[in-house]
Structure formats: structure tokens, C-alpha cells
Amino acid sequence: MFEVLKEKYQKNFVRKDQLLRYVMLGKITQEEYQKIINGGEK
């Protein structure tokens, strides 16, 4: 799930608020969320 969301975020298919929803649902961790948004900035 992490890799899929990371790729989607980098392609601007997913927003930060949507990623936070995945954190709340337990699909990704808070740490993974940080990795996505910090590594995915253009």
C-alpha cells in the first residue's frame, strides 16, 4: 500500500488529506505518511 500511495502522490493523484485518511484507517503508518510527503515533493 505504501509504494502505491507514494507513486500516486508523486503523480499528484492523491492529496495530503487523502493520505491522512489512509493513516486513520490503519493502511499506512504516520511514519510512512511522512516519508511519502517528504520524499514526494517536487
N, C-alpha and C. Protein backbone atom coordinates (compact mmCIF):
# COMPACT_ATOMS: atom_id res chain seq x y z
N MET A 1 0.83 -1.19 0.00
CA MET A 1 0.00 0.00 0.00
C MET A 1 0.87 1.25 0.00
N PHE A 2 1.96 1.22 0.78
CA PHE A 2 2.86 2.37 0.88
C PHE A 2 3.41 2.78 -0.49
N GLU A 3 3.93 1.80 -1.22
CA GLU A 3 4.54 2.09 -2.53
C GLU A 3 3.51 2.64 -3.52
N VAL A 4 2.32 2.06 -3.49
CA VAL A 4 1.25 2.50 -4.39
C VAL A 4 0.88 3.96 -4.10
N LEU A 5 0.69 4.27 -2.82
CA LEU A 5 0.31 5.64 -2.45
C LEU A 5 1.43 6.63 -2.71
N LYS A 6 2.66 6.20 -2.50
CA LYS A 6 3.82 7.06 -2.76
C LYS A 6 3.85 7.45 -4.24
N GLU A 7 3.67 6.47 -5.10
CA GLU A 7 3.68 6.73 -6.54
C GLU A 7 2.52 7.64 -6.95
N LYS A 8 1.34 7.38 -6.39
CA LYS A 8 0.18 8.20 -6.71
C LYS A 8 0.36 9.64 -6.24
N TYR A 9 0.98 9.80 -5.05
CA TYR A 9 1.23 11.15 -4.53
C TYR A 9 2.21 11.89 -5.43
N GLN A 10 3.24 11.22 -5.87
CA GLN A 10 4.24 11.84 -6.74
C GLN A 10 3.64 12.26 -8.07
N LYS A 11 2.61 11.56 -8.51
CA LYS A 11 1.94 11.89 -9.77
C LYS A 11 0.75 12.83 -9.56
N ASN A 12 0.59 13.30 -8.32
CA ASN A 12 -0.50 14.21 -7.95
C ASN A 12 -1.88 13.59 -8.11
N PHE A 13 -1.97 12.27 -7.93
CA PHE A 13 -3.27 11.60 -7.97
C PHE A 13 -3.90 11.55 -6.58
N VAL A 14 -3.08 11.78 -5.54
CA VAL A 14 -3.55 11.72 -4.16
C VAL A 14 -3.04 12.97 -3.43
N ARG A 15 -3.92 13.57 -2.61
CA ARG A 15 -3.55 14.76 -1.83
C ARG A 15 -3.14 14.35 -0.41
N LYS A 16 -2.54 15.30 0.32
CA LYS A 16 -2.10 15.03 1.70
C LYS A 16 -3.27 14.64 2.59
N ASP A 17 -4.41 15.31 2.43
CA ASP A 17 -5.56 14.99 3.27
C ASP A 17 -6.07 13.57 3.00
N GLN A 18 -5.94 13.12 1.76
CA GLN A 18 -6.34 11.76 1.43
C GLN A 18 -5.37 10.75 2.05
N LEU A 19 -4.09 11.09 2.05
CA LEU A 19 -3.09 10.21 2.69
C LEU A 19 -3.36 10.09 4.19
N LEU A 20 -3.75 11.20 4.81
CA LEU A 20 -4.04 11.17 6.24
C LEU A 20 -5.22 10.25 6.54
N ARG A 21 -6.16 10.16 5.63
CA ARG A 21 -7.29 9.25 5.79
C ARG A 21 -6.80 7.80 5.82
N TYR A 22 -5.82 7.48 4.97
CA TYR A 22 -5.23 6.14 4.98
C TYR A 22 -4.54 5.86 6.30
N VAL A 23 -3.93 6.88 6.89
CA VAL A 23 -3.29 6.72 8.20
C VAL A 23 -4.36 6.40 9.24
N MET A 24 -5.47 7.16 9.22
CA MET A 24 -6.55 6.95 10.18
C MET A 24 -7.16 5.56 10.04
N LEU A 25 -7.21 5.06 8.81
CA LEU A 25 -7.78 3.74 8.56
C LEU A 25 -6.80 2.60 8.86
N GLY A 26 -5.55 2.97 9.17
CA GLY A 26 -4.55 1.97 9.51
C GLY A 26 -3.91 1.30 8.30
N LYS A 27 -4.07 1.89 7.12
CA LYS A 27 -3.50 1.31 5.91
C LYS A 27 -2.01 1.64 5.77
N ILE A 28 -1.62 2.82 6.26
CA ILE A 28 -0.21 3.21 6.32
C ILE A 28 0.05 3.83 7.70
N THR A 29 1.31 3.85 8.10
CA THR A 29 1.65 4.44 9.40
C THR A 29 1.93 5.93 9.25
N GLN A 30 1.99 6.61 10.38
CA GLN A 30 2.33 8.03 10.37
C GLN A 30 3.73 8.23 9.80
N GLU A 31 4.63 7.31 10.11
CA GLU A 31 6.00 7.38 9.60
C GLU A 31 6.01 7.24 8.07
N GLU A 32 5.21 6.32 7.56
CA GLU A 32 5.13 6.14 6.10
C GLU A 32 4.53 7.38 5.44
N TYR A 33 3.54 7.98 6.10
CA TYR A 33 2.95 9.22 5.60
C TYR A 33 4.02 10.30 5.45
N GLN A 34 4.85 10.45 6.49
CA GLN A 34 5.92 11.46 6.46
C GLN A 34 6.90 11.17 5.32
N LYS A 35 7.24 9.90 5.13
CA LYS A 35 8.16 9.53 4.05
C LYS A 35 7.58 9.90 2.69
N ILE A 36 6.28 9.67 2.53
CA ILE A 36 5.62 9.98 1.26
C ILE A 36 5.64 11.47 0.98
N ILE A 37 5.21 12.27 1.97
CA ILE A 37 5.11 13.71 1.71
C ILE A 37 6.47 14.39 1.65
N ASN A 38 7.45 13.89 2.40
CA ASN A 38 8.78 14.50 2.36
C ASN A 38 9.55 14.09 1.12
N GLY A 39 9.37 12.87 0.67
CA GLY A 39 10.08 12.37 -0.50
C GLY A 39 9.35 12.66 -1.79
N GLY A 40 8.09 13.03 -1.68
CA GLY A 40 7.29 13.21 -2.88
C GLY A 40 7.16 14.64 -3.37
N GLU A 41 7.74 15.58 -2.62
CA GLU A 41 7.64 16.97 -3.04
C GLU A 41 8.44 17.23 -4.30
N LYS A 42 7.87 18.04 -5.17
CA LYS A 42 8.57 18.35 -6.43
C LYS A 42 9.17 19.73 -6.38
